[in-house]
Amino acid sequence: MHNVNIDALNKTIDKARQDPSAVAQQVSFDGEWNVADGPQFRATIPVPNGDAVTFEADFPPPMGGTGSAPNPLAYCFWGGLACYAMTYAQEAARQGIELRALRARAEARVDQSRALGVTDNAPVEQIDWQLDVDADAPAERLQEIKRIADEHCPGVYCVANPIDLHTHLNITADSA
């Protein structure tokens, strides 16, 4: 239904009910700084079908980049928005509500002064995600799906809750 494989989804839900750890996934990929011209950072991210997608990021010129690729926060905002819209579409399919269209929009104000080391201002104080839904369903049902998406979306959780972050530095022998 509207590009959601409900049979596969239901099998995964049944599997998770039997053993929640069976649906845990490890995420791992590497990126590399570009010391030459062009986008500053690149990572090749594997996808489940065995292929991979290359993401490139570059700071805008005022931040020392060329502006030749999206900035890193754009990927964060896009990833969260994609997760939210996809969770909404998935839940609509589970509830038998066919979507004719679903459009999503992310908005945020980014304060770069902290990144530049001149203030302690929060880089982002608020992120707005907006969904525009076209479906033959009462507004109350569509709002209920939104409530479920708000509760179940991993992107919502990651943005709304602190996550334990560990950073590490490995120094090559040539640098010492």
N, C-alpha and C. Protein backbone atom coordinates (compact mmCIF):
# COMPACT_ATOMS: atom_id res chain seq x y z
N MET A 1 0.85 -1.18 0.00
CA MET A 1 0.00 0.00 0.00
C MET A 1 0.89 1.23 0.00
N HIS A 2 0.67 2.14 -0.92
CA HIS A 2 1.45 3.36 -1.14
C HIS A 2 2.95 3.17 -0.83
N ASN A 3 3.52 2.12 -1.42
CA ASN A 3 4.96 1.85 -1.38
C ASN A 3 5.42 1.34 -0.01
N VAL A 4 4.54 0.72 0.76
CA VAL A 4 4.89 0.05 2.02
C VAL A 4 4.52 -1.42 1.85
N ASN A 5 5.49 -2.32 1.99
CA ASN A 5 5.26 -3.75 1.91
C ASN A 5 4.69 -4.21 3.25
N ILE A 6 3.37 -4.26 3.35
CA ILE A 6 2.70 -4.56 4.61
C ILE A 6 2.98 -5.99 5.06
N ASP A 7 3.06 -6.94 4.12
CA ASP A 7 3.35 -8.32 4.51
C ASP A 7 4.72 -8.42 5.19
N ALA A 8 5.73 -7.82 4.59
CA ALA A 8 7.06 -7.84 5.19
C ALA A 8 7.05 -7.12 6.53
N LEU A 9 6.35 -6.00 6.61
CA LEU A 9 6.26 -5.24 7.85
C LEU A 9 5.60 -6.07 8.95
N ASN A 10 4.50 -6.74 8.64
CA ASN A 10 3.80 -7.56 9.64
C ASN A 10 4.67 -8.73 10.11
N LYS A 11 5.43 -9.34 9.22
CA LYS A 11 6.35 -10.42 9.63
C LYS A 11 7.41 -9.89 10.58
N THR A 12 7.91 -8.70 10.30
CA THR A 12 8.92 -8.10 11.17
C THR A 12 8.32 -7.76 12.53
N ILE A 13 7.09 -7.26 12.56
CA ILE A 13 6.41 -6.96 13.82
C ILE A 13 6.23 -8.23 14.63
N ASP A 14 5.79 -9.31 13.99
CA ASP A 14 5.64 -10.60 14.70
C ASP A 14 6.97 -11.08 15.27
N LYS A 15 8.02 -10.95 14.48
CA LYS A 15 9.36 -11.34 14.92
C LYS A 15 9.78 -10.51 16.13
N ALA A 16 9.51 -9.22 16.09
CA ALA A 16 9.89 -8.32 17.19
C ALA A 16 9.09 -8.64 18.45
N ARG A 17 7.85 -9.02 18.29
CA ARG A 17 7.04 -9.38 19.47
C ARG A 17 7.60 -10.62 20.15
N GLN A 18 8.11 -11.56 19.37
CA GLN A 18 8.70 -12.77 19.93
C GLN A 18 10.06 -12.50 20.57
N ASP A 19 10.85 -11.63 19.92
CA ASP A 19 12.19 -11.33 20.41
C ASP A 19 12.60 -9.94 19.92
N PRO A 20 12.39 -8.91 20.76
CA PRO A 20 12.74 -7.55 20.33
C PRO A 20 14.19 -7.39 19.88
N SER A 21 15.10 -8.17 20.42
CA SER A 21 16.50 -8.04 20.00
C SER A 21 16.72 -8.53 18.57
N ALA A 22 15.77 -9.28 18.03
CA ALA A 22 15.91 -9.80 16.67
C ALA A 22 15.81 -8.70 15.61
N VAL A 23 15.29 -7.54 15.98
CA VAL A 23 15.16 -6.46 15.01
C VAL A 23 16.14 -5.31 15.28
N ALA A 24 17.08 -5.53 16.18
CA ALA A 24 18.13 -4.54 16.42
C ALA A 24 19.12 -4.60 15.27
N GLN A 25 19.56 -3.44 14.81
CA GLN A 25 20.48 -3.37 13.67
C GLN A 25 21.71 -2.56 14.04
N GLN A 26 22.87 -3.04 13.69
CA GLN A 26 24.10 -2.29 13.87
C GLN A 26 24.29 -1.37 12.67
N VAL A 27 24.61 -0.12 12.92
CA VAL A 27 24.89 0.83 11.86
C VAL A 27 26.36 1.22 11.96
N SER A 28 27.05 1.12 10.85
CA SER A 28 28.47 1.47 10.84
C SER A 28 28.87 1.87 9.43
N PHE A 29 29.57 2.99 9.31
CA PHE A 29 30.14 3.40 8.04
C PHE A 29 31.28 4.36 8.31
N ASP A 30 32.14 4.52 7.34
CA ASP A 30 33.31 5.38 7.46
C ASP A 30 33.17 6.57 6.52
N GLY A 31 33.78 7.67 6.93
CA GLY A 31 33.83 8.85 6.08
C GLY A 31 35.25 9.36 6.02
N GLU A 32 35.48 10.25 5.06
CA GLU A 32 36.85 10.74 4.87
C GLU A 32 36.82 12.23 4.52
N TRP A 33 37.74 12.97 5.13
CA TRP A 33 37.92 14.38 4.83
C TRP A 33 38.67 14.52 3.52
N ASN A 34 38.22 15.40 2.67
CA ASN A 34 38.86 15.66 1.39
C ASN A 34 39.86 16.80 1.58
N VAL A 35 41.14 16.52 1.42
CA VAL A 35 42.17 17.55 1.59
C VAL A 35 42.39 18.36 0.32
N ALA A 36 41.75 17.98 -0.78
CA ALA A 36 41.86 18.71 -2.05
C ALA A 36 40.60 19.57 -2.24
N ASP A 37 40.37 20.05 -3.45
CA ASP A 37 39.20 20.85 -3.76
C ASP A 37 37.95 19.96 -3.78
N GLY A 38 36.79 20.59 -3.63
CA GLY A 38 35.53 19.89 -3.70
C GLY A 38 34.89 19.76 -2.34
N PRO A 39 33.79 19.02 -2.27
CA PRO A 39 33.13 18.85 -0.98
C PRO A 39 34.12 18.34 0.07
N GLN A 40 33.98 18.86 1.28
CA GLN A 40 34.97 18.61 2.33
C GLN A 40 34.93 17.20 2.93
N PHE A 41 33.76 16.57 2.95
CA PHE A 41 33.64 15.27 3.61
C PHE A 41 32.80 14.33 2.77
N ARG A 42 33.16 13.05 2.77
CA ARG A 42 32.45 12.06 1.96
C ARG A 42 32.36 10.76 2.74
N ALA A 43 31.21 10.12 2.66
CA ALA A 43 31.02 8.80 3.25
C ALA A 43 30.18 7.96 2.31
N THR A 44 30.56 6.71 2.19
CA THR A 44 29.77 5.77 1.42
C THR A 44 28.99 4.92 2.41
N ILE A 45 27.68 4.97 2.29
CA ILE A 45 26.80 4.34 3.26
C ILE A 45 26.14 3.12 2.63
N PRO A 46 26.33 1.95 3.23
CA PRO A 46 25.72 0.74 2.66
C PRO A 46 24.20 0.76 2.82
N VAL A 47 23.52 0.13 1.88
CA VAL A 47 22.07 -0.03 1.96
C VAL A 47 21.76 -1.53 1.95
N PRO A 48 20.59 -1.92 2.49
CA PRO A 48 20.29 -3.35 2.68
C PRO A 48 20.36 -4.23 1.43
N ASN A 49 20.14 -3.67 0.24
CA ASN A 49 20.16 -4.52 -0.95
C ASN A 49 21.58 -4.83 -1.42
N GLY A 50 22.58 -4.34 -0.68
CA GLY A 50 23.97 -4.61 -1.02
C GLY A 50 24.67 -3.48 -1.74
N ASP A 51 23.92 -2.50 -2.20
CA ASP A 51 24.51 -1.33 -2.85
C ASP A 51 25.01 -0.36 -1.78
N ALA A 52 25.44 0.78 -2.21
CA ALA A 52 25.85 1.85 -1.30
C ALA A 52 25.55 3.19 -1.94
N VAL A 53 25.40 4.21 -1.10
CA VAL A 53 25.13 5.56 -1.55
C VAL A 53 26.22 6.46 -0.98
N THR A 54 26.76 7.34 -1.80
CA THR A 54 27.78 8.25 -1.32
C THR A 54 27.14 9.59 -0.96
N PHE A 55 27.40 10.02 0.27
CA PHE A 55 26.96 11.32 0.75
C PHE A 55 28.17 12.23 0.80
N GLU A 56 28.00 13.46 0.36
CA GLU A 56 29.05 14.46 0.47
C GLU A 56 28.50 15.65 1.25
N ALA A 57 29.38 16.24 2.07
CA ALA A 57 28.98 17.41 2.84
C ALA A 57 30.06 18.48 2.71
N ASP A 58 29.62 19.72 2.78
CA ASP A 58 30.54 20.84 2.66
C ASP A 58 29.95 22.01 3.44
N PHE A 59 30.80 22.69 4.19
CA PHE A 59 30.33 23.89 4.87
C PHE A 59 30.06 24.98 3.84
N PRO A 60 29.17 25.92 4.16
CA PRO A 60 28.98 27.06 3.29
C PRO A 60 30.23 27.95 3.32
N PRO A 61 30.45 28.78 2.31
CA PRO A 61 31.66 29.61 2.25
C PRO A 61 31.96 30.41 3.53
N PRO A 62 30.97 31.01 4.20
CA PRO A 62 31.32 31.75 5.42
C PRO A 62 31.91 30.87 6.53
N MET A 63 31.69 29.57 6.44
CA MET A 63 32.20 28.65 7.45
C MET A 63 33.47 27.93 6.97
N GLY A 64 34.04 28.37 5.85
CA GLY A 64 35.30 27.81 5.37
C GLY A 64 35.18 26.76 4.29
N GLY A 65 33.97 26.47 3.84
CA GLY A 65 33.77 25.50 2.77
C GLY A 65 33.52 26.18 1.44
N THR A 66 33.16 25.37 0.47
CA THR A 66 32.86 25.92 -0.85
C THR A 66 31.36 26.00 -1.11
N GLY A 67 30.58 25.35 -0.25
CA GLY A 67 29.14 25.32 -0.48
C GLY A 67 28.75 24.41 -1.62
N SER A 68 29.63 23.45 -1.98
CA SER A 68 29.37 22.59 -3.14
C SER A 68 28.56 21.34 -2.81
N ALA A 69 28.17 21.17 -1.56
CA ALA A 69 27.34 20.04 -1.14
C ALA A 69 26.53 20.49 0.07
N PRO A 70 25.50 19.75 0.45
CA PRO A 70 24.74 20.13 1.64
C PRO A 70 25.64 20.20 2.87
N ASN A 71 25.29 21.08 3.80
CA ASN A 71 26.06 21.13 5.04
C ASN A 71 25.66 19.94 5.91
N PRO A 72 26.49 19.56 6.88
CA PRO A 72 26.19 18.37 7.69
C PRO A 72 24.84 18.42 8.40
N LEU A 73 24.44 19.59 8.90
CA LEU A 73 23.15 19.65 9.58
C LEU A 73 21.98 19.41 8.64
N ALA A 74 22.13 19.76 7.37
CA ALA A 74 21.05 19.49 6.42
C ALA A 74 20.76 17.99 6.36
N TYR A 75 21.81 17.17 6.42
CA TYR A 75 21.61 15.72 6.45
C TYR A 75 20.90 15.29 7.73
N CYS A 76 21.27 15.90 8.86
CA CYS A 76 20.59 15.58 10.12
C CYS A 76 19.10 15.91 10.02
N PHE A 77 18.81 17.13 9.55
CA PHE A 77 17.42 17.55 9.43
C PHE A 77 16.67 16.66 8.42
N TRP A 78 17.32 16.37 7.28
CA TRP A 78 16.70 15.53 6.26
C TRP A 78 16.45 14.12 6.80
N GLY A 79 17.43 13.56 7.48
CA GLY A 79 17.28 12.21 8.02
C GLY A 79 16.14 12.11 9.01
N GLY A 80 16.04 13.09 9.89
CA GLY A 80 14.93 13.10 10.85
C GLY A 80 13.59 13.24 10.16
N LEU A 81 13.52 14.17 9.21
CA LEU A 81 12.28 14.39 8.49
C LEU A 81 11.88 13.16 7.67
N ALA A 82 12.85 12.55 7.01
CA ALA A 82 12.56 11.34 6.23
C ALA A 82 12.03 10.24 7.15
N CYS A 83 12.66 10.07 8.30
CA CYS A 83 12.23 9.05 9.24
C CYS A 83 10.79 9.31 9.71
N TYR A 84 10.49 10.57 10.00
CA TYR A 84 9.17 10.94 10.48
C TYR A 84 8.10 10.70 9.41
N ALA A 85 8.36 11.17 8.20
CA ALA A 85 7.41 10.97 7.10
C ALA A 85 7.22 9.48 6.80
N MET A 86 8.32 8.74 6.82
CA MET A 86 8.25 7.31 6.53
C MET A 86 7.49 6.56 7.63
N THR A 87 7.68 6.97 8.88
CA THR A 87 6.94 6.35 9.99
C THR A 87 5.46 6.65 9.85
N TYR A 88 5.12 7.87 9.46
CA TYR A 88 3.72 8.22 9.26
C TYR A 88 3.11 7.37 8.14
N ALA A 89 3.80 7.28 7.01
CA ALA A 89 3.30 6.49 5.87
C ALA A 89 3.16 5.03 6.25
N GLN A 90 4.13 4.52 6.99
CA GLN A 90 4.09 3.11 7.42
C GLN A 90 2.88 2.85 8.32
N GLU A 91 2.66 3.73 9.27
CA GLU A 91 1.53 3.55 10.19
C GLU A 91 0.19 3.70 9.45
N ALA A 92 0.12 4.62 8.51
CA ALA A 92 -1.11 4.75 7.72
C ALA A 92 -1.40 3.45 6.98
N ALA A 93 -0.37 2.85 6.40
CA ALA A 93 -0.55 1.58 5.69
C ALA A 93 -1.01 0.49 6.65
N ARG A 94 -0.40 0.43 7.83
CA ARG A 94 -0.80 -0.58 8.82
C ARG A 94 -2.26 -0.43 9.20
N GLN A 95 -2.76 0.81 9.19
CA GLN A 95 -4.15 1.07 9.57
C GLN A 95 -5.10 1.02 8.38
N GLY A 96 -4.56 0.68 7.19
CA GLY A 96 -5.40 0.56 6.01
C GLY A 96 -5.81 1.87 5.39
N ILE A 97 -5.09 2.94 5.69
CA ILE A 97 -5.41 4.25 5.13
C ILE A 97 -4.46 4.52 3.96
N GLU A 98 -5.03 4.60 2.76
CA GLU A 98 -4.25 4.82 1.55
C GLU A 98 -3.92 6.31 1.43
N LEU A 99 -2.64 6.60 1.30
CA LEU A 99 -2.21 7.98 1.09
C LEU A 99 -2.14 8.27 -0.41
N ARG A 100 -2.75 9.35 -0.83
CA ARG A 100 -2.60 9.80 -2.21
C ARG A 100 -1.31 10.60 -2.35
N ALA A 101 -0.99 11.33 -1.28
CA ALA A 101 0.23 12.13 -1.29
C ALA A 101 0.64 12.42 0.15
N LEU A 102 1.94 12.51 0.34
CA LEU A 102 2.51 12.89 1.63
C LEU A 102 3.73 13.75 1.34
N ARG A 103 3.69 14.96 1.80
CA ARG A 103 4.83 15.87 1.63
C ARG A 103 5.30 16.27 3.02
N ALA A 104 6.60 16.45 3.14
CA ALA A 104 7.17 16.80 4.44
C ALA A 104 8.10 17.99 4.30
N ARG A 105 8.19 18.78 5.38
CA ARG A 105 9.03 19.97 5.36
C ARG A 105 9.74 20.09 6.70
N ALA A 106 11.03 20.42 6.67
CA ALA A 106 11.80 20.68 7.88
C ALA A 106 12.22 22.14 7.88
N GLU A 107 12.16 22.75 9.06
CA GLU A 107 12.62 24.12 9.22
C GLU A 107 13.36 24.22 10.55
N ALA A 108 14.44 24.99 10.55
CA ALA A 108 15.19 25.26 11.77
C ALA A 108 16.03 26.50 11.55
N ARG A 109 16.33 27.18 12.61
CA ARG A 109 17.26 28.31 12.57
C ARG A 109 18.56 27.81 13.18
N VAL A 110 19.66 27.95 12.44
CA VAL A 110 20.95 27.47 12.89
C VAL A 110 21.82 28.67 13.26
N ASP A 111 22.31 28.68 14.50
CA ASP A 111 23.21 29.73 14.99
C ASP A 111 24.63 29.16 14.97
N GLN A 112 25.47 29.65 14.09
CA GLN A 112 26.82 29.14 13.92
C GLN A 112 27.82 29.72 14.92
N SER A 113 27.39 30.63 15.79
CA SER A 113 28.35 31.29 16.68
C SER A 113 29.04 30.33 17.64
N ARG A 114 28.36 29.28 18.06
CA ARG A 114 29.00 28.27 18.93
C ARG A 114 30.07 27.50 18.15
N ALA A 115 29.74 27.12 16.91
CA ALA A 115 30.71 26.39 16.08
C ALA A 115 31.96 27.22 15.83
N LEU A 116 31.82 28.52 15.83
CA LEU A 116 32.96 29.41 15.62
C LEU A 116 33.71 29.72 16.91
N GLY A 117 33.20 29.21 18.04
CA GLY A 117 33.86 29.40 19.32
C GLY A 117 33.67 30.77 19.93
N VAL A 118 32.64 31.51 19.52
CA VAL A 118 32.46 32.86 20.04
C VAL A 118 31.32 32.99 21.05
N THR A 119 30.43 31.98 21.16
CA THR A 119 29.37 31.98 22.17
C THR A 119 29.14 30.55 22.64
N ASP A 120 28.28 30.43 23.64
CA ASP A 120 27.80 29.12 24.09
C ASP A 120 26.35 28.91 23.64
N ASN A 121 25.89 29.70 22.68
CA ASN A 121 24.51 29.57 22.20
C ASN A 121 24.25 28.18 21.65
N ALA A 122 23.04 27.71 21.86
CA ALA A 122 22.64 26.44 21.25
C ALA A 122 22.65 26.61 19.73
N PRO A 123 23.24 25.67 19.00
CA PRO A 123 23.24 25.79 17.54
C PRO A 123 21.83 25.75 16.95
N VAL A 124 20.96 24.93 17.56
CA VAL A 124 19.58 24.78 17.10
C VAL A 124 18.70 24.71 18.34
N GLU A 125 17.71 25.57 18.41
CA GLU A 125 16.82 25.56 19.57
C GLU A 125 15.51 24.84 19.27
N GLN A 126 15.13 24.77 18.01
CA GLN A 126 13.86 24.15 17.65
C GLN A 126 13.93 23.65 16.22
N ILE A 127 13.35 22.49 16.01
CA ILE A 127 13.20 21.94 14.65
C ILE A 127 11.71 21.75 14.42
N ASP A 128 11.21 22.22 13.30
CA ASP A 128 9.80 22.03 12.94
C ASP A 128 9.71 21.05 11.78
N TRP A 129 8.93 20.00 11.98
CA TRP A 129 8.63 19.04 10.92
C TRP A 129 7.15 19.16 10.62
N GLN A 130 6.82 19.36 9.37
CA GLN A 130 5.43 19.52 8.96
C GLN A 130 5.11 18.47 7.91
N LEU A 131 3.98 17.81 8.08
CA LEU A 131 3.49 16.84 7.10
C LEU A 131 2.22 17.38 6.46
N ASP A 132 2.14 17.30 5.14
CA ASP A 132 0.93 17.61 4.39
C ASP A 132 0.42 16.28 3.85
N VAL A 133 -0.78 15.88 4.28
CA VAL A 133 -1.32 14.57 3.97
C VAL A 133 -2.56 14.71 3.10
N ASP A 134 -2.62 13.91 2.05
CA ASP A 134 -3.80 13.82 1.20
C ASP A 134 -4.28 12.38 1.25
N ALA A 135 -5.44 12.15 1.89
CA ALA A 135 -5.97 10.79 2.04
C ALA A 135 -7.47 10.86 2.26
N ASP A 136 -8.16 9.77 1.89
CA ASP A 136 -9.59 9.66 2.17
C ASP A 136 -9.75 9.07 3.57
N ALA A 137 -9.63 9.92 4.56
CA ALA A 137 -9.78 9.49 5.95
C ALA A 137 -10.18 10.70 6.77
N PRO A 138 -10.94 10.48 7.83
CA PRO A 138 -11.31 11.61 8.69
C PRO A 138 -10.07 12.23 9.34
N ALA A 139 -10.14 13.52 9.58
CA ALA A 139 -9.02 14.24 10.20
C ALA A 139 -8.61 13.60 11.53
N GLU A 140 -9.58 13.09 12.29
CA GLU A 140 -9.27 12.46 13.58
C GLU A 140 -8.37 11.24 13.40
N ARG A 141 -8.62 10.45 12.37
CA ARG A 141 -7.77 9.26 12.12
C ARG A 141 -6.38 9.68 11.70
N LEU A 142 -6.29 10.70 10.85
CA LEU A 142 -4.98 11.18 10.41
C LEU A 142 -4.20 11.78 11.58
N GLN A 143 -4.89 12.46 12.50
CA GLN A 143 -4.24 12.99 13.70
C GLN A 143 -3.78 11.84 14.61
N GLU A 144 -4.55 10.78 14.68
CA GLU A 144 -4.16 9.62 15.49
C GLU A 144 -2.90 8.97 14.92
N ILE A 145 -2.81 8.90 13.61
CA ILE A 145 -1.59 8.36 12.99
C ILE A 145 -0.40 9.27 13.31
N LYS A 146 -0.62 10.57 13.32
CA LYS A 146 0.45 11.50 13.71
C LYS A 146 0.90 11.23 15.14
N ARG A 147 -0.06 11.03 16.04
CA ARG A 147 0.29 10.74 17.44
C ARG A 147 1.14 9.47 17.53
N ILE A 148 0.76 8.45 16.78
CA ILE A 148 1.52 7.20 16.78
C ILE A 148 2.90 7.42 16.19
N ALA A 149 2.98 8.17 15.09
CA ALA A 149 4.29 8.48 14.49
C ALA A 149 5.16 9.25 15.48
N ASP A 150 4.56 10.20 16.21
CA ASP A 150 5.32 10.95 17.23
C ASP A 150 5.88 10.00 18.29
N GLU A 151 5.14 8.95 18.64
CA GLU A 151 5.58 8.00 19.68
C GLU A 151 6.58 6.98 19.15
N HIS A 152 6.43 6.55 17.89
CA HIS A 152 7.21 5.42 17.39
C HIS A 152 8.42 5.79 16.54
N CYS A 153 8.47 6.99 16.01
CA CYS A 153 9.52 7.36 15.06
C CYS A 153 10.89 7.43 15.73
N PRO A 154 11.88 6.65 15.23
CA PRO A 154 13.23 6.74 15.78
C PRO A 154 13.83 8.13 15.64
N GLY A 155 13.52 8.84 14.55
CA GLY A 155 14.04 10.19 14.38
C GLY A 155 13.50 11.15 15.42
N VAL A 156 12.22 11.04 15.76
CA VAL A 156 11.65 11.87 16.82
C VAL A 156 12.37 11.57 18.13
N TYR A 157 12.56 10.29 18.42
CA TYR A 157 13.23 9.91 19.66
C TYR A 157 14.65 10.49 19.72
N CYS A 158 15.40 10.35 18.64
CA CYS A 158 16.79 10.81 18.63
C CYS A 158 16.90 12.32 18.80
N VAL A 159 15.96 13.07 18.26
CA VAL A 159 16.00 14.52 18.38
C VAL A 159 15.51 14.96 19.76
N ALA A 160 14.52 14.26 20.31
CA ALA A 160 13.87 14.71 21.54
C ALA A 160 14.54 14.19 22.81
N ASN A 161 15.45 13.23 22.70
CA ASN A 161 16.06 12.63 23.89
C ASN A 161 17.57 12.64 23.79
N PRO A 162 18.23 12.89 24.92
CA PRO A 162 19.69 12.81 24.90
C PRO A 162 20.14 11.39 24.58
N ILE A 163 21.18 11.27 23.78
CA ILE A 163 21.75 9.98 23.43
C ILE A 163 23.20 9.99 23.87
N ASP A 164 23.63 8.93 24.51
CA ASP A 164 24.99 8.84 25.01
C ASP A 164 25.96 8.81 23.83
N LEU A 165 26.75 9.87 23.68
CA LEU A 165 27.70 9.99 22.57
C LEU A 165 29.11 9.82 23.11
N HIS A 166 29.87 8.98 22.46
CA HIS A 166 31.29 8.80 22.78
C HIS A 166 32.10 9.21 21.56
N THR A 167 33.06 10.09 21.73
CA THR A 167 33.95 10.46 20.64
C THR A 167 35.33 9.89 20.93
N HIS A 168 36.04 9.56 19.88
CA HIS A 168 37.36 8.93 20.02
C HIS A 168 38.31 9.56 19.01
N LEU A 169 39.59 9.52 19.31
CA LEU A 169 40.62 10.02 18.41
C LEU A 169 41.71 8.96 18.30
N ASN A 170 41.99 8.53 17.09
CA ASN A 170 43.10 7.62 16.82
C ASN A 170 44.15 8.39 16.06
N ILE A 171 45.34 8.43 16.56
CA ILE A 171 46.42 9.19 15.94
C ILE A 171 47.34 8.24 15.19
N THR A 172 47.57 8.56 13.91
CA THR A 172 48.46 7.72 13.12
C THR A 172 49.91 7.91 13.58
N ALA A 173 50.75 6.93 13.34
CA ALA A 173 52.14 6.98 13.77
C ALA A 173 52.86 8.17 13.14
N ASP A 174 52.49 8.56 11.91
CA ASP A 174 53.15 9.68 11.24
C ASP A 174 52.87 11.01 11.92
N SER A 175 51.77 11.10 12.66
CA SER A 175 51.38 12.37 13.29
C SER A 175 52.09 12.61 14.61
N ALA A 176 52.60 11.57 15.20
CA ALA A 176 53.18 11.69 16.56
C ALA A 176 54.52 12.39 16.53
